[in-house]
Amino acid sequence: MFFRKYDGAYNFEKFKNDRQGFIDMIKKYTESDRLTDSIIGRIYDYGFVILDKIKQVIPYPEKLDFYPELKISGDLAEPREDGIKSLVGSIDLLVIDGEGNSYTFDFKTSPKEYSDYDSAKVRTFMYQLATYNRLLQRFGFKDYENKQYILPIRFENYRLSNRDEAIQNAENAIFVYDNIAWDKDDLVRDLTPSIKSDDSLNGHLDSFLPRI
């Protein structure tokens, strides 16, 4: 909701210096009772921290367009055996600068610090972002102009709230947390160089979603 645009203005513009107004707006459109005022307030704070960081990592920050939860799709090189002919994805946040360059930002939530993520998990992030990049190419964005980032967010006191019920049926497990947190020195991770240099990853993508 922070980066969404309504009536010609982004929410971060409408609710600048109005933390409570943002909280009230989120509660109006969100039914979850687990999203407390404290958590929403932290989301508001985090949004402005990330907005400032995005402007720092983008070379041309003077004019930026934000596209949150952007749905994208593209045809596969060959239909799969089950008949599926295309791939669909949802980018958490796509930012386009005044030069037409694209920047993909993907929020990653975990009870762990990013430094504690295992290599397999990070590789799944790389694969996901590389796939988004291939799909964006089908909308005219050039491979060398696209950048891919993840934004790590940590859940504080993440825990299972209904242990007995979850033991009976794991599908009913409910996890809760007290708030969100972030490392001010590790707000954004640029995975672009790792993705571009990973021949195995790119070779696999070439087999069903080739570069354009």
C-alpha atoms as a PDB file:
ATOM      1  CA  MET A   1       0.000   0.000   0.000  1.00  0.00           C
ATOM      2  CA  PHE A   2       2.890   2.369   0.698  1.00  0.00           C
ATOM      3  CA  PHE A   3       3.943   2.607  -2.964  1.00  0.00           C
ATOM      4  CA  ARG A   4       0.479   2.502  -4.516  1.00  0.00           C
ATOM      5  CA  LYS A   5      -0.820   5.455  -6.469  1.00  0.00           C
ATOM      6  CA  TYR A   6      -4.349   6.847  -6.205  1.00  0.00           C
ATOM      7  CA  ASP A   7      -5.779   9.958  -7.857  1.00  0.00           C
ATOM      8  CA  GLY A   8      -2.394  10.971  -9.231  1.00  0.00           C
ATOM      9  CA  ALA A   9      -0.397  10.694  -6.000  1.00  0.00           C
ATOM     10  CA  TYR A  10       1.497   7.915  -4.272  1.00  0.00           C
ATOM     11  CA  ASN A  11       0.488   6.974  -0.740  1.00  0.00           C
ATOM     12  CA  PHE A  12       3.936   7.955   0.520  1.00  0.00           C
ATOM     13  CA  GLU A  13       3.207  11.436  -0.824  1.00  0.00           C
ATOM     14  CA  LYS A  14      -0.311  11.608   0.581  1.00  0.00           C
ATOM     15  CA  PHE A  15       0.676  10.409   4.039  1.00  0.00           C
ATOM     16  CA  LYS A  16       4.028  12.129   4.410  1.00  0.00           C
ATOM     17  CA  ASN A  17       4.204  13.330   8.034  1.00  0.00           C
ATOM     18  CA  ASP A  18       0.849  11.608   8.711  1.00  0.00           C
ATOM     19  CA  ARG A  19       1.741   8.269  10.289  1.00  0.00           C
ATOM     20  CA  GLN A  20      -1.625   7.857  11.981  1.00  0.00           C
ATOM     21  CA  GLY A  21      -3.457   8.620   8.756  1.00  0.00           C
ATOM     22  CA  PHE A  22      -1.552   5.821   7.052  1.00  0.00           C
ATOM     23  CA  ILE A  23      -2.367   3.443   9.898  1.00  0.00           C
ATOM     24  CA  ASP A  24      -6.071   4.311   9.665  1.00  0.00           C
ATOM     25  CA  MET A  25      -6.058   3.839   5.897  1.00  0.00           C
ATOM     26  CA  ILE A  26      -4.441   0.391   6.119  1.00  0.00           C
ATOM     27  CA  LYS A  27      -6.882  -0.736   8.826  1.00  0.00           C
ATOM     28  CA  LYS A  28      -9.789   0.427   6.677  1.00  0.00           C
ATOM     29  CA  TYR A  29      -8.781  -1.826   3.782  1.00  0.00           C
ATOM     30  CA  THR A  30      -7.245  -4.739   5.725  1.00  0.00           C
ATOM     31  CA  GLU A  31      -9.314  -7.232   7.688  1.00  0.00           C
ATOM     32  CA  SER A  32      -6.478  -9.115   9.429  1.00  0.00           C
ATOM     33  CA  ASP A  33      -6.555  -8.655  13.198  1.00  0.00           C
ATOM     34  CA  ARG A  34      -2.891  -9.669  13.315  1.00  0.00           C
ATOM     35  CA  LEU A  35      -1.852  -6.435  11.607  1.00  0.00           C
ATOM     36  CA  THR A  36      -1.663  -4.223  14.695  1.00  0.00           C
ATOM     37  CA  ASP A  37      -1.230  -0.450  14.828  1.00  0.00           C
ATOM     38  CA  SER A  38       2.348  -1.026  15.948  1.00  0.00           C
ATOM     39  CA  ILE A  39       3.157  -3.216  12.943  1.00  0.00           C
ATOM     40  CA  ILE A  40       1.482  -0.839  10.484  1.00  0.00           C
ATOM     41  CA  GLY A  41       3.380   2.045  12.014  1.00  0.00           C
ATOM     42  CA  ARG A  42       6.647   0.183  11.518  1.00  0.00           C
ATOM     43  CA  ILE A  43       5.694  -0.533   7.901  1.00  0.00           C
ATOM     44  CA  TYR A  44       5.186   3.214   7.468  1.00  0.00           C
ATOM     45  CA  ASP A  45       8.616   3.955   8.970  1.00  0.00           C
ATOM     46  CA  TYR A  46      10.239   1.235   6.888  1.00  0.00           C
ATOM     47  CA  GLY A  47       8.629   2.540   3.721  1.00  0.00           C
ATOM     48  CA  PHE A  48      10.335   5.902   4.004  1.00  0.00           C
ATOM     49  CA  VAL A  49      13.666   4.288   4.908  1.00  0.00           C
ATOM     50  CA  ILE A  50      13.458   2.117   1.794  1.00  0.00           C
ATOM     51  CA  LEU A  51      12.258   5.005  -0.373  1.00  0.00           C
ATOM     52  CA  ASP A  52      15.371   6.982   0.570  1.00  0.00           C
ATOM     53  CA  LYS A  53      17.578   3.951  -0.069  1.00  0.00           C
ATOM     54  CA  ILE A  54      16.024   3.314  -3.481  1.00  0.00           C
ATOM     55  CA  LYS A  55      16.816   6.883  -4.472  1.00  0.00           C
ATOM     56  CA  GLN A  56      20.418   6.290  -3.416  1.00  0.00           C
ATOM     57  CA  VAL A  57      20.967   3.126  -5.461  1.00  0.00           C
ATOM     58  CA  ILE A  58      19.278   4.394  -8.632  1.00  0.00           C
ATOM     59  CA  PRO A  59      21.574   6.556 -10.809  1.00  0.00           C
ATOM     60  CA  TYR A  60      18.748   8.810 -12.040  1.00  0.00           C
ATOM     61  CA  PRO A  61      16.438   9.320  -9.033  1.00  0.00           C
ATOM     62  CA  GLU A  62      14.973  12.662 -10.094  1.00  0.00           C
ATOM     63  CA  LYS A  63      11.922  11.130 -11.786  1.00  0.00           C
ATOM     64  CA  LEU A  64      10.841   7.692 -10.605  1.00  0.00           C
ATOM     65  CA  ASP A  65       7.672   5.728 -11.328  1.00  0.00           C
ATOM     66  CA  PHE A  66       6.656   3.003  -8.872  1.00  0.00           C
ATOM     67  CA  TYR A  67       4.674  -0.115  -9.796  1.00  0.00           C
ATOM     68  CA  PRO A  68       3.929  -2.284  -6.724  1.00  0.00           C
ATOM     69  CA  GLU A  69       2.676  -5.857  -7.045  1.00  0.00           C
ATOM     70  CA  LEU A  70       3.063  -5.718 -10.815  1.00  0.00           C
ATOM     71  CA  LYS A  71       1.752  -8.747 -12.712  1.00  0.00           C
ATOM     72  CA  ILE A  72       3.861  -9.761 -15.704  1.00  0.00           C
ATOM     73  CA  SER A  73       3.761 -12.700 -18.084  1.00  0.00           C
ATOM     74  CA  GLY A  74       5.502 -14.126 -21.123  1.00  0.00           C
ATOM     75  CA  ASP A  75       5.298 -17.060 -23.514  1.00  0.00           C
ATOM     76  CA  LEU A  76       7.578 -20.029 -22.982  1.00  0.00           C
ATOM     77  CA  ALA A  77       9.936 -21.109 -25.745  1.00  0.00           C
ATOM     78  CA  GLU A  78       7.904 -24.321 -26.092  1.00  0.00           C
ATOM     79  CA  PRO A  79       4.619 -25.386 -24.447  1.00  0.00           C
ATOM     80  CA  ARG A  80       5.089 -27.739 -21.515  1.00  0.00           C
ATOM     81  CA  GLU A  81       3.831 -31.308 -21.569  1.00  0.00           C
ATOM     82  CA  ASP A  82       0.875 -30.284 -19.411  1.00  0.00           C
ATOM     83  CA  GLY A  83      -0.134 -27.674 -22.000  1.00  0.00           C
ATOM     84  CA  ILE A  84       1.079 -24.563 -20.150  1.00  0.00           C
ATOM     85  CA  LYS A  85       2.313 -22.041 -22.714  1.00  0.00           C
ATOM     86  CA  SER A  86       3.223 -19.013 -20.608  1.00  0.00           C
ATOM     87  CA  LEU A  87       4.735 -17.972 -17.312  1.00  0.00           C
ATOM     88  CA  VAL A  88       3.136 -15.461 -14.939  1.00  0.00           C
ATOM     89  CA  GLY A  89       4.851 -13.576 -12.113  1.00  0.00           C
ATOM     90  CA  SER A  90       4.217 -10.777  -9.652  1.00  0.00           C
ATOM     91  CA  ILE A  91       6.978  -8.256  -8.935  1.00  0.00           C
ATOM     92  CA  ASP A  92       6.788  -6.786  -5.436  1.00  0.00           C
ATOM     93  CA  LEU A  93       8.005  -3.411  -6.648  1.00  0.00           C
ATOM     94  CA  LEU A  94       9.184  -2.298 -10.072  1.00  0.00           C
ATOM     95  CA  VAL A  95      10.776   1.142 -10.288  1.00  0.00           C
ATOM     96  CA  ILE A  96      11.438   2.883 -13.608  1.00  0.00           C
ATOM     97  CA  ASP A  97      13.692   5.915 -13.809  1.00  0.00           C
ATOM     98  CA  GLY A  98      13.538   8.874 -16.168  1.00  0.00           C
ATOM     99  CA  GLU A  99      15.876   7.118 -18.607  1.00  0.00           C
ATOM    100  CA  GLY A 100      13.532   4.131 -18.924  1.00  0.00           C
ATOM    101  CA  ASN A 101      15.725   1.753 -16.910  1.00  0.00           C
ATOM    102  CA  SER A 102      13.978  -0.773 -14.681  1.00  0.00           C
ATOM    103  CA  TYR A 103      14.800  -1.828 -11.119  1.00  0.00           C
ATOM    104  CA  THR A 104      13.156  -4.866  -9.580  1.00  0.00           C
ATOM    105  CA  PHE A 105      12.828  -4.946  -5.784  1.00  0.00           C
ATOM    106  CA  ASP A 106      11.626  -8.060  -4.016  1.00  0.00           C
ATOM    107  CA  PHE A 107      10.772  -8.019  -0.301  1.00  0.00           C
ATOM    108  CA  LYS A 108      12.033 -11.064   1.615  1.00  0.00           C
ATOM    109  CA  THR A 109      10.650 -11.707   5.086  1.00  0.00           C
ATOM    110  CA  SER A 110      12.190 -14.079   7.598  1.00  0.00           C
ATOM    111  CA  PRO A 111      12.806 -14.450  11.333  1.00  0.00           C
ATOM    112  CA  LYS A 112      16.504 -14.541  10.417  1.00  0.00           C
ATOM    113  CA  GLU A 113      19.001 -11.852   9.548  1.00  0.00           C
ATOM    114  CA  TYR A 114      19.954 -11.862   5.878  1.00  0.00           C
ATOM    115  CA  SER A 115      23.504 -12.876   6.818  1.00  0.00           C
ATOM    116  CA  ASP A 116      22.022 -16.101   8.237  1.00  0.00           C
ATOM    117  CA  TYR A 117      20.234 -17.107   5.032  1.00  0.00           C
ATOM    118  CA  ASP A 118      21.692 -20.264   3.542  1.00  0.00           C
ATOM    119  CA  SER A 119      23.136 -20.262   0.029  1.00  0.00           C
ATOM    120  CA  ALA A 120      20.303 -22.398  -1.378  1.00  0.00           C
ATOM    121  CA  LYS A 121      17.743 -19.832  -0.264  1.00  0.00           C
ATOM    122  CA  VAL A 122      19.686 -16.967  -1.807  1.00  0.00           C
ATOM    123  CA  ARG A 123      19.933 -18.922  -5.040  1.00  0.00           C
ATOM    124  CA  THR A 124      16.147 -19.248  -5.194  1.00  0.00           C
ATOM    125  CA  PHE A 125      15.999 -15.451  -4.899  1.00  0.00           C
ATOM    126  CA  MET A 126      18.424 -15.160  -7.800  1.00  0.00           C
ATOM    127  CA  TYR A 127      16.375 -17.552  -9.924  1.00  0.00           C
ATOM    128  CA  GLN A 128      13.168 -15.670  -9.167  1.00  0.00           C
ATOM    129  CA  LEU A 129      14.632 -12.264 -10.005  1.00  0.00           C
ATOM    130  CA  ALA A 130      16.325 -13.571 -13.141  1.00  0.00           C
ATOM    131  CA  THR A 131      12.962 -14.922 -14.300  1.00  0.00           C
ATOM    132  CA  TYR A 132      11.349 -11.527 -13.714  1.00  0.00           C
ATOM    133  CA  ASN A 133      14.133  -9.980 -15.774  1.00  0.00           C
ATOM    134  CA  ARG A 134      13.417 -12.318 -18.684  1.00  0.00           C
ATOM    135  CA  LEU A 135       9.721 -11.471 -18.517  1.00  0.00           C
ATOM    136  CA  LEU A 136      10.454  -7.741 -18.451  1.00  0.00           C
ATOM    137  CA  GLN A 137      12.455  -8.137 -21.649  1.00  0.00           C
ATOM    138  CA  ARG A 138       9.220  -9.121 -23.335  1.00  0.00           C
ATOM    139  CA  PHE A 139       7.899  -5.648 -22.498  1.00  0.00           C
ATOM    140  CA  GLY A 140      10.832  -3.883 -24.120  1.00  0.00           C
ATOM    141  CA  PHE A 141      13.266  -3.560 -21.212  1.00  0.00           C
ATOM    142  CA  LYS A 142      16.855  -4.334 -22.145  1.00  0.00           C
ATOM    143  CA  ASP A 143      18.750  -6.988 -20.195  1.00  0.00           C
ATOM    144  CA  TYR A 144      21.777  -4.796 -19.501  1.00  0.00           C
ATOM    145  CA  GLU A 145      19.586  -1.941 -18.201  1.00  0.00           C
ATOM    146  CA  ASN A 146      17.658  -4.022 -15.656  1.00  0.00           C
ATOM    147  CA  LYS A 147      18.780  -4.312 -12.031  1.00  0.00           C
ATOM    148  CA  GLN A 148      17.526  -6.835  -9.471  1.00  0.00           C
ATOM    149  CA  TYR A 149      17.482  -6.276  -5.703  1.00  0.00           C
ATOM    150  CA  ILE A 150      16.089  -7.926  -2.612  1.00  0.00           C
ATOM    151  CA  LEU A 151      14.949  -6.070   0.505  1.00  0.00           C
ATOM    152  CA  PRO A 152      15.387  -8.226   3.650  1.00  0.00           C
ATOM    153  CA  ILE A 153      12.839  -7.739   6.441  1.00  0.00           C
ATOM    154  CA  ARG A 154      13.068  -9.588   9.749  1.00  0.00           C
ATOM    155  CA  PHE A 155      10.111 -10.703  11.867  1.00  0.00           C
ATOM    156  CA  GLU A 156      10.599 -10.004  15.578  1.00  0.00           C
ATOM    157  CA  ASN A 157       9.633 -12.844  17.942  1.00  0.00           C
ATOM    158  CA  TYR A 158       8.277 -14.991  15.116  1.00  0.00           C
ATOM    159  CA  ARG A 159       6.470 -17.981  16.617  1.00  0.00           C
ATOM    160  CA  LEU A 160       3.747 -20.601  16.256  1.00  0.00           C
ATOM    161  CA  SER A 161       0.622 -19.417  18.052  1.00  0.00           C
ATOM    162  CA  ASN A 162      -1.472 -22.612  17.988  1.00  0.00           C
ATOM    163  CA  ARG A 163       0.947 -25.452  18.645  1.00  0.00           C
ATOM    164  CA  ASP A 164      -1.622 -28.072  19.722  1.00  0.00           C
ATOM    165  CA  GLU A 165      -3.846 -27.489  16.711  1.00  0.00           C
ATOM    166  CA  ALA A 166      -0.865 -27.444  14.358  1.00  0.00           C
ATOM    167  CA  ILE A 167       0.302 -30.819  15.682  1.00  0.00           C
ATOM    168  CA  GLN A 168      -3.063 -32.281  14.686  1.00  0.00           C
ATOM    169  CA  ASN A 169      -3.006 -30.652  11.253  1.00  0.00           C
ATOM    170  CA  ALA A 170       0.034 -28.729   9.992  1.00  0.00           C
ATOM    171  CA  GLU A 171      -2.108 -26.895   7.443  1.00  0.00           C
ATOM    172  CA  ASN A 172      -3.839 -25.083  10.312  1.00  0.00           C
ATOM    173  CA  ALA A 173      -0.592 -23.701  11.744  1.00  0.00           C
ATOM    174  CA  ILE A 174      -0.717 -19.973  12.474  1.00  0.00           C
ATOM    175  CA  PHE A 175       2.517 -18.026  12.845  1.00  0.00           C
ATOM    176  CA  VAL A 176       2.589 -14.585  14.402  1.00  0.00           C
ATOM    177  CA  TYR A 177       5.204 -11.939  15.115  1.00  0.00           C
ATOM    178  CA  ASP A 178       5.424  -8.840  17.259  1.00  0.00           C
ATOM    179  CA  ASN A 179       6.789  -6.449  14.651  1.00  0.00           C
ATOM    180  CA  ILE A 180       9.148  -6.027  11.701  1.00  0.00           C
ATOM    181  CA  ALA A 181      12.774  -4.951  11.804  1.00  0.00           C
ATOM    182  CA  TRP A 182      15.572  -4.208   9.367  1.00  0.00           C
ATOM    183  CA  ASP A 183      19.297  -3.732   9.362  1.00  0.00           C
ATOM    184  CA  LYS A 184      20.077  -0.141   8.404  1.00  0.00           C
ATOM    185  CA  ASP A 185      23.438  -1.297   7.028  1.00  0.00           C
ATOM    186  CA  ASP A 186      21.873  -4.085   4.962  1.00  0.00           C
ATOM    187  CA  LEU A 187      18.687  -2.569   3.556  1.00  0.00           C
ATOM    188  CA  VAL A 188      19.194  -3.532  -0.074  1.00  0.00           C
ATOM    189  CA  ARG A 189      21.063  -6.418  -1.664  1.00  0.00           C
ATOM    190  CA  ASP A 190      21.983  -6.087  -5.322  1.00  0.00           C
ATOM    191  CA  LEU A 191      21.858  -9.579  -6.848  1.00  0.00           C
ATOM    192  CA  THR A 192      22.374  -8.347 -10.414  1.00  0.00           C
ATOM    193  CA  PRO A 193      26.117  -9.226 -10.664  1.00  0.00           C
ATOM    194  CA  SER A 194      25.574 -12.698  -9.178  1.00  0.00           C
ATOM    195  CA  ILE A 195      22.691 -13.379 -11.555  1.00  0.00           C
ATOM    196  CA  LYS A 196      24.562 -12.214 -14.653  1.00  0.00           C
ATOM    197  CA  SER A 197      27.640 -14.301 -13.830  1.00  0.00           C
ATOM    198  CA  ASP A 198      25.767 -17.528 -13.039  1.00  0.00           C
ATOM    199  CA  ASP A 199      26.066 -19.536 -16.263  1.00  0.00           C
ATOM    200  CA  SER A 200      24.163 -22.513 -14.873  1.00  0.00           C
ATOM    201  CA  LEU A 201      21.170 -20.421 -13.845  1.00  0.00           C
ATOM    202  CA  ASN A 202      21.066 -18.506 -17.115  1.00  0.00           C
ATOM    203  CA  GLY A 203      21.562 -21.651 -19.151  1.00  0.00           C
ATOM    204  CA  HIS A 204      18.519 -23.223 -17.521  1.00  0.00           C
ATOM    205  CA  LEU A 205      16.422 -20.106 -18.152  1.00  0.00           C
ATOM    206  CA  ASP A 206      17.580 -20.067 -21.778  1.00  0.00           C
ATOM    207  CA  SER A 207      16.031 -23.492 -22.239  1.00  0.00           C
ATOM    208  CA  PHE A 208      12.469 -22.298 -21.662  1.00  0.00           C
ATOM    209  CA  LEU A 209      12.517 -18.497 -21.343  1.00  0.00           C
ATOM    210  CA  PRO A 210      15.262 -17.234 -23.658  1.00  0.00           C
ATOM    211  CA  ARG A 211      16.589 -13.689 -23.712  1.00  0.00           C
ATOM    212  CA  ILE A 212      15.090 -11.259 -26.182  1.00  0.00           C
END
